[in-house]
């Protein structure tokens, strides 16, 4: 069993900017961890059209970053790939307003001192709540084949394994998942 963290402040999850030093510190730790698991992996790409959530504990003037997650909108090109992946008709530019809003989870990371305490689940649930507010109909993600705990977490929260999509097609280390959200916009809510 993991030791309890030394801080006593409640954990908050809030939006942040990628320039936030707390986010940057977590990204450095994430990249180092991933390079150990997958030495041939390319550097992490910059995120565009993304929203960033940071889990942190604030005590006085000190704020400790504990975990993070980002949500990036999939572009029309990605939507075309998704449509082809699911054997649906190819999406044309004129169909953009009828295209379901799709996002991809990026950069889910929990500081090693906080693992095993449910923080990754809280981050995913916060991201899903944000996605629902924005009428997102599906969330996709990619993780590596060596990240068994992550895959178990995703399955436990209703994410289903899917074929590789977008830049992950042909990547032997990639495992992709999707969760359809029940929104009022989709008629399933």
C-alpha atoms as a PDB file:
ATOM      1  CA  UNK A   1       0.000   0.000   0.000  1.00  0.00           C
ATOM      2  CA  UNK A   2       1.261   3.476  -0.859  1.00  0.00           C
ATOM      3  CA  UNK A   3       2.046   5.997   1.842  1.00  0.00           C
ATOM      4  CA  UNK A   4      -0.284   8.935   2.250  1.00  0.00           C
ATOM      5  CA  UNK A   5       1.071  12.163   0.810  1.00  0.00           C
ATOM      6  CA  UNK A   6       2.655  14.569   3.259  1.00  0.00           C
ATOM      7  CA  UNK A   7       0.282  17.443   2.472  1.00  0.00           C
ATOM      8  CA  UNK A   8      -2.998  17.819   4.299  1.00  0.00           C
ATOM      9  CA  UNK A   9      -4.628  20.316   1.943  1.00  0.00           C
ATOM     10  CA  UNK A  10      -7.617  19.147  -0.088  1.00  0.00           C
ATOM     11  CA  UNK A  11      -6.943  18.243  -3.695  1.00  0.00           C
ATOM     12  CA  UNK A  12      -8.449  20.594  -6.252  1.00  0.00           C
ATOM     13  CA  UNK A  13      -8.789  20.054  -9.990  1.00  0.00           C
ATOM     14  CA  UNK A  14      -8.874  23.206 -12.068  1.00  0.00           C
ATOM     15  CA  UNK A  15      -8.211  24.481 -15.556  1.00  0.00           C
ATOM     16  CA  UNK A  16      -4.683  25.723 -16.180  1.00  0.00           C
ATOM     17  CA  UNK A  17      -2.501  27.000 -19.001  1.00  0.00           C
ATOM     18  CA  UNK A  18       0.250  24.835 -20.530  1.00  0.00           C
ATOM     19  CA  UNK A  19       2.706  27.573 -19.517  1.00  0.00           C
ATOM     20  CA  UNK A  20       1.898  26.986 -15.819  1.00  0.00           C
ATOM     21  CA  UNK A  21       5.167  25.877 -14.130  1.00  0.00           C
ATOM     22  CA  UNK A  22       3.267  23.137 -12.248  1.00  0.00           C
ATOM     23  CA  UNK A  23       2.006  21.706 -15.569  1.00  0.00           C
ATOM     24  CA  UNK A  24       5.490  21.986 -17.062  1.00  0.00           C
ATOM     25  CA  UNK A  25       7.033  20.068 -14.139  1.00  0.00           C
ATOM     26  CA  UNK A  26       4.525  17.241 -14.568  1.00  0.00           C
ATOM     27  CA  UNK A  27       5.157  17.139 -18.336  1.00  0.00           C
ATOM     28  CA  UNK A  28       8.889  16.772 -17.737  1.00  0.00           C
ATOM     29  CA  UNK A  29       8.274  13.881 -15.316  1.00  0.00           C
ATOM     30  CA  UNK A  30       5.826  12.274 -17.772  1.00  0.00           C
ATOM     31  CA  UNK A  31       8.251  12.487 -20.674  1.00  0.00           C
ATOM     32  CA  UNK A  32      11.073  10.996 -18.598  1.00  0.00           C
ATOM     33  CA  UNK A  33       8.850   8.112 -17.495  1.00  0.00           C
ATOM     34  CA  UNK A  34       7.659   7.417 -21.037  1.00  0.00           C
ATOM     35  CA  UNK A  35      11.218   7.490 -22.428  1.00  0.00           C
ATOM     36  CA  UNK A  36      12.169   4.801 -19.890  1.00  0.00           C
ATOM     37  CA  UNK A  37       9.259   2.606 -20.987  1.00  0.00           C
ATOM     38  CA  UNK A  38       9.515   3.316 -24.710  1.00  0.00           C
ATOM     39  CA  UNK A  39      13.076   4.453 -25.607  1.00  0.00           C
ATOM     40  CA  UNK A  40      12.217   4.790 -29.308  1.00  0.00           C
ATOM     41  CA  UNK A  41       9.180   6.989 -28.702  1.00  0.00           C
ATOM     42  CA  UNK A  42       9.331  10.455 -30.292  1.00  0.00           C
ATOM     43  CA  UNK A  43       9.146  13.571 -28.113  1.00  0.00           C
ATOM     44  CA  UNK A  44       5.674  14.653 -27.021  1.00  0.00           C
ATOM     45  CA  UNK A  45       4.062  16.963 -29.554  1.00  0.00           C
ATOM     46  CA  UNK A  46       2.638  20.357 -28.667  1.00  0.00           C
ATOM     47  CA  UNK A  47      -1.103  20.295 -28.064  1.00  0.00           C
ATOM     48  CA  UNK A  48      -3.414  22.483 -30.118  1.00  0.00           C
ATOM     49  CA  UNK A  49      -7.016  23.347 -29.337  1.00  0.00           C
ATOM     50  CA  UNK A  50      -6.580  21.722 -25.937  1.00  0.00           C
ATOM     51  CA  UNK A  51      -7.852  22.310 -22.440  1.00  0.00           C
ATOM     52  CA  UNK A  52      -5.642  21.463 -19.491  1.00  0.00           C
ATOM     53  CA  UNK A  53      -6.719  20.250 -16.047  1.00  0.00           C
ATOM     54  CA  UNK A  54      -4.344  20.260 -13.101  1.00  0.00           C
ATOM     55  CA  UNK A  55      -4.825  18.407  -9.801  1.00  0.00           C
ATOM     56  CA  UNK A  56      -3.123  20.340  -7.050  1.00  0.00           C
ATOM     57  CA  UNK A  57      -3.019  20.854  -3.294  1.00  0.00           C
ATOM     58  CA  UNK A  58      -2.635  24.444  -2.120  1.00  0.00           C
ATOM     59  CA  UNK A  59      -1.225  25.278   1.295  1.00  0.00           C
ATOM     60  CA  UNK A  60      -0.758  28.978   1.846  1.00  0.00           C
ATOM     61  CA  UNK A  61       1.418  30.363  -0.945  1.00  0.00           C
ATOM     62  CA  UNK A  62       2.597  26.872  -1.964  1.00  0.00           C
ATOM     63  CA  UNK A  63       0.799  24.854  -4.637  1.00  0.00           C
ATOM     64  CA  UNK A  64       1.838  21.244  -5.208  1.00  0.00           C
ATOM     65  CA  UNK A  65       1.072  19.688  -8.590  1.00  0.00           C
ATOM     66  CA  UNK A  66      -0.212  16.138  -8.150  1.00  0.00           C
ATOM     67  CA  UNK A  67      -1.532  15.148 -11.559  1.00  0.00           C
ATOM     68  CA  UNK A  68      -2.812  16.429 -14.875  1.00  0.00           C
ATOM     69  CA  UNK A  69      -4.823  15.641 -17.967  1.00  0.00           C
ATOM     70  CA  UNK A  70      -5.618  17.418 -21.225  1.00  0.00           C
ATOM     71  CA  UNK A  71      -8.407  17.185 -23.756  1.00  0.00           C
ATOM     72  CA  UNK A  72      -7.708  18.032 -27.388  1.00  0.00           C
ATOM     73  CA  UNK A  73     -10.340  18.493 -30.061  1.00  0.00           C
ATOM     74  CA  UNK A  74      -9.874  16.102 -32.965  1.00  0.00           C
ATOM     75  CA  UNK A  75      -9.650  17.959 -36.264  1.00  0.00           C
ATOM     76  CA  UNK A  76     -11.779  17.343 -39.347  1.00  0.00           C
ATOM     77  CA  UNK A  77      -8.911  15.276 -40.787  1.00  0.00           C
ATOM     78  CA  UNK A  78      -9.028  13.135 -37.631  1.00  0.00           C
ATOM     79  CA  UNK A  79     -12.807  12.893 -37.925  1.00  0.00           C
ATOM     80  CA  UNK A  80     -12.424  11.629 -41.486  1.00  0.00           C
ATOM     81  CA  UNK A  81     -10.029   8.960 -40.234  1.00  0.00           C
ATOM     82  CA  UNK A  82     -12.451   8.065 -37.427  1.00  0.00           C
ATOM     83  CA  UNK A  83     -15.313   7.742 -39.889  1.00  0.00           C
ATOM     84  CA  UNK A  84     -13.230   5.461 -42.080  1.00  0.00           C
ATOM     85  CA  UNK A  85     -12.145   3.436 -39.036  1.00  0.00           C
ATOM     86  CA  UNK A  86     -15.771   2.740 -38.128  1.00  0.00           C
ATOM     87  CA  UNK A  87     -16.769   1.981 -41.734  1.00  0.00           C
ATOM     88  CA  UNK A  88     -19.048   5.005 -41.772  1.00  0.00           C
ATOM     89  CA  UNK A  89     -19.350   7.261 -44.792  1.00  0.00           C
ATOM     90  CA  UNK A  90     -16.454   9.635 -45.276  1.00  0.00           C
ATOM     91  CA  UNK A  91     -17.136  13.042 -43.786  1.00  0.00           C
ATOM     92  CA  UNK A  92     -17.151  15.917 -46.270  1.00  0.00           C
ATOM     93  CA  UNK A  93     -16.343  19.518 -45.305  1.00  0.00           C
ATOM     94  CA  UNK A  94     -20.046  20.375 -45.794  1.00  0.00           C
ATOM     95  CA  UNK A  95     -20.874  17.852 -43.037  1.00  0.00           C
ATOM     96  CA  UNK A  96     -18.780  19.647 -40.399  1.00  0.00           C
ATOM     97  CA  UNK A  97     -21.775  20.983 -38.444  1.00  0.00           C
ATOM     98  CA  UNK A  98     -23.292  17.506 -38.287  1.00  0.00           C
ATOM     99  CA  UNK A  99     -20.034  15.851 -37.236  1.00  0.00           C
ATOM    100  CA  UNK A 100     -20.142  14.670 -33.629  1.00  0.00           C
ATOM    101  CA  UNK A 101     -17.713  16.573 -31.453  1.00  0.00           C
ATOM    102  CA  UNK A 102     -14.776  14.270 -30.795  1.00  0.00           C
ATOM    103  CA  UNK A 103     -11.943  14.836 -28.361  1.00  0.00           C
ATOM    104  CA  UNK A 104      -8.825  12.944 -27.420  1.00  0.00           C
ATOM    105  CA  UNK A 105      -7.383  12.561 -23.945  1.00  0.00           C
ATOM    106  CA  UNK A 106      -3.782  13.658 -23.796  1.00  0.00           C
ATOM    107  CA  UNK A 107      -1.154  13.687 -21.057  1.00  0.00           C
ATOM    108  CA  UNK A 108      -2.912  11.881 -18.211  1.00  0.00           C
ATOM    109  CA  UNK A 109      -0.222  11.734 -15.537  1.00  0.00           C
ATOM    110  CA  UNK A 110      -0.250  11.285 -11.777  1.00  0.00           C
ATOM    111  CA  UNK A 111       2.816  12.029  -9.685  1.00  0.00           C
ATOM    112  CA  UNK A 112       4.276   8.714  -8.405  1.00  0.00           C
ATOM    113  CA  UNK A 113       3.646   9.734  -4.766  1.00  0.00           C
ATOM    114  CA  UNK A 114      -0.101   9.959  -5.512  1.00  0.00           C
ATOM    115  CA  UNK A 115      -0.607   6.738  -7.459  1.00  0.00           C
ATOM    116  CA  UNK A 116      -3.028   4.161  -6.122  1.00  0.00           C
ATOM    117  CA  UNK A 117      -5.199   6.792  -4.444  1.00  0.00           C
ATOM    118  CA  UNK A 118      -7.843   7.332  -7.124  1.00  0.00           C
ATOM    119  CA  UNK A 119      -6.486  10.593  -8.514  1.00  0.00           C
ATOM    120  CA  UNK A 120      -6.325   9.378 -12.136  1.00  0.00           C
ATOM    121  CA  UNK A 121      -9.984   8.371 -11.888  1.00  0.00           C
ATOM    122  CA  UNK A 122     -10.880  11.810 -10.483  1.00  0.00           C
ATOM    123  CA  UNK A 123      -8.984  13.519 -13.310  1.00  0.00           C
ATOM    124  CA  UNK A 124     -10.765  11.410 -15.942  1.00  0.00           C
ATOM    125  CA  UNK A 125     -14.158  12.100 -14.369  1.00  0.00           C
ATOM    126  CA  UNK A 126     -13.431  15.848 -14.259  1.00  0.00           C
ATOM    127  CA  UNK A 127     -12.423  15.765 -17.923  1.00  0.00           C
ATOM    128  CA  UNK A 128     -15.562  13.808 -18.853  1.00  0.00           C
ATOM    129  CA  UNK A 129     -17.721  16.371 -16.995  1.00  0.00           C
ATOM    130  CA  UNK A 130     -16.011  19.169 -18.920  1.00  0.00           C
ATOM    131  CA  UNK A 131     -16.557  17.265 -22.182  1.00  0.00           C
ATOM    132  CA  UNK A 132     -20.258  16.788 -21.405  1.00  0.00           C
ATOM    133  CA  UNK A 133     -20.647  20.536 -20.760  1.00  0.00           C
ATOM    134  CA  UNK A 134     -19.223  21.104 -24.240  1.00  0.00           C
ATOM    135  CA  UNK A 135     -21.565  18.589 -25.922  1.00  0.00           C
ATOM    136  CA  UNK A 136     -18.757  16.155 -26.761  1.00  0.00           C
ATOM    137  CA  UNK A 137     -20.168  12.865 -28.040  1.00  0.00           C
ATOM    138  CA  UNK A 138     -17.070  10.655 -27.805  1.00  0.00           C
ATOM    139  CA  UNK A 139     -13.682  10.618 -26.144  1.00  0.00           C
ATOM    140  CA  UNK A 140     -10.753   8.729 -27.602  1.00  0.00           C
ATOM    141  CA  UNK A 141      -7.324   8.029 -26.204  1.00  0.00           C
ATOM    142  CA  UNK A 142      -4.102   6.210 -26.892  1.00  0.00           C
ATOM    143  CA  UNK A 143      -1.809   4.583 -24.377  1.00  0.00           C
ATOM    144  CA  UNK A 144       1.165   2.285 -24.576  1.00  0.00           C
ATOM    145  CA  UNK A 145       0.988  -1.498 -24.425  1.00  0.00           C
ATOM    146  CA  UNK A 146       3.160  -1.567 -21.270  1.00  0.00           C
ATOM    147  CA  UNK A 147       0.797   0.664 -19.284  1.00  0.00           C
ATOM    148  CA  UNK A 148      -1.397  -2.072 -17.829  1.00  0.00           C
ATOM    149  CA  UNK A 149      -2.707  -0.025 -14.884  1.00  0.00           C
ATOM    150  CA  UNK A 150      -3.823   2.730 -17.258  1.00  0.00           C
ATOM    151  CA  UNK A 151      -5.620   0.260 -19.532  1.00  0.00           C
ATOM    152  CA  UNK A 152      -7.377  -1.300 -16.532  1.00  0.00           C
ATOM    153  CA  UNK A 153      -8.463   2.155 -15.372  1.00  0.00           C
ATOM    154  CA  UNK A 154      -9.867   3.038 -18.788  1.00  0.00           C
ATOM    155  CA  UNK A 155     -11.771  -0.237 -19.083  1.00  0.00           C
ATOM    156  CA  UNK A 156     -13.131   0.208 -15.545  1.00  0.00           C
ATOM    157  CA  UNK A 157     -14.515   3.620 -16.517  1.00  0.00           C
ATOM    158  CA  UNK A 158     -16.263   2.320 -19.627  1.00  0.00           C
ATOM    159  CA  UNK A 159     -13.653   2.915 -22.330  1.00  0.00           C
ATOM    160  CA  UNK A 160     -13.718   0.237 -25.009  1.00  0.00           C
ATOM    161  CA  UNK A 161     -10.689  -0.948 -27.014  1.00  0.00           C
ATOM    162  CA  UNK A 162     -10.792   0.269 -30.630  1.00  0.00           C
ATOM    163  CA  UNK A 163      -8.603   0.085 -33.715  1.00  0.00           C
ATOM    164  CA  UNK A 164      -5.722   2.514 -33.956  1.00  0.00           C
ATOM    165  CA  UNK A 165      -6.659   5.889 -35.438  1.00  0.00           C
ATOM    166  CA  UNK A 166      -4.874   8.934 -36.801  1.00  0.00           C
ATOM    167  CA  UNK A 167      -1.142   9.078 -36.087  1.00  0.00           C
ATOM    168  CA  UNK A 168      -1.359   5.834 -34.073  1.00  0.00           C
ATOM    169  CA  UNK A 169      -2.147   3.652 -37.084  1.00  0.00           C
ATOM    170  CA  UNK A 170       0.730   1.232 -37.528  1.00  0.00           C
ATOM    171  CA  UNK A 171       2.293   2.016 -34.119  1.00  0.00           C
ATOM    172  CA  UNK A 172       2.892  -1.378 -32.503  1.00  0.00           C
ATOM    173  CA  UNK A 173       3.164   0.101 -28.991  1.00  0.00           C
ATOM    174  CA  UNK A 174      -0.201   1.912 -29.203  1.00  0.00           C
ATOM    175  CA  UNK A 175      -3.448   0.748 -27.616  1.00  0.00           C
ATOM    176  CA  UNK A 176      -6.502   2.888 -28.375  1.00  0.00           C
ATOM    177  CA  UNK A 177      -9.786   3.259 -26.503  1.00  0.00           C
ATOM    178  CA  UNK A 178     -13.065   5.147 -26.874  1.00  0.00           C
ATOM    179  CA  UNK A 179     -15.984   6.103 -24.679  1.00  0.00           C
ATOM    180  CA  UNK A 180     -19.258   7.391 -26.098  1.00  0.00           C
ATOM    181  CA  UNK A 181     -20.855  10.032 -23.904  1.00  0.00           C
ATOM    182  CA  UNK A 182     -24.566  10.281 -23.338  1.00  0.00           C
ATOM    183  CA  UNK A 183     -25.353  13.928 -23.967  1.00  0.00           C
ATOM    184  CA  UNK A 184     -28.602  15.760 -24.450  1.00  0.00           C
ATOM    185  CA  UNK A 185     -27.211  16.717 -27.873  1.00  0.00           C
ATOM    186  CA  UNK A 186     -26.817  13.053 -28.852  1.00  0.00           C
ATOM    187  CA  UNK A 187     -30.329  12.181 -27.732  1.00  0.00           C
ATOM    188  CA  UNK A 188     -28.988   9.567 -25.360  1.00  0.00           C
ATOM    189  CA  UNK A 189     -28.968  11.671 -22.199  1.00  0.00           C
END
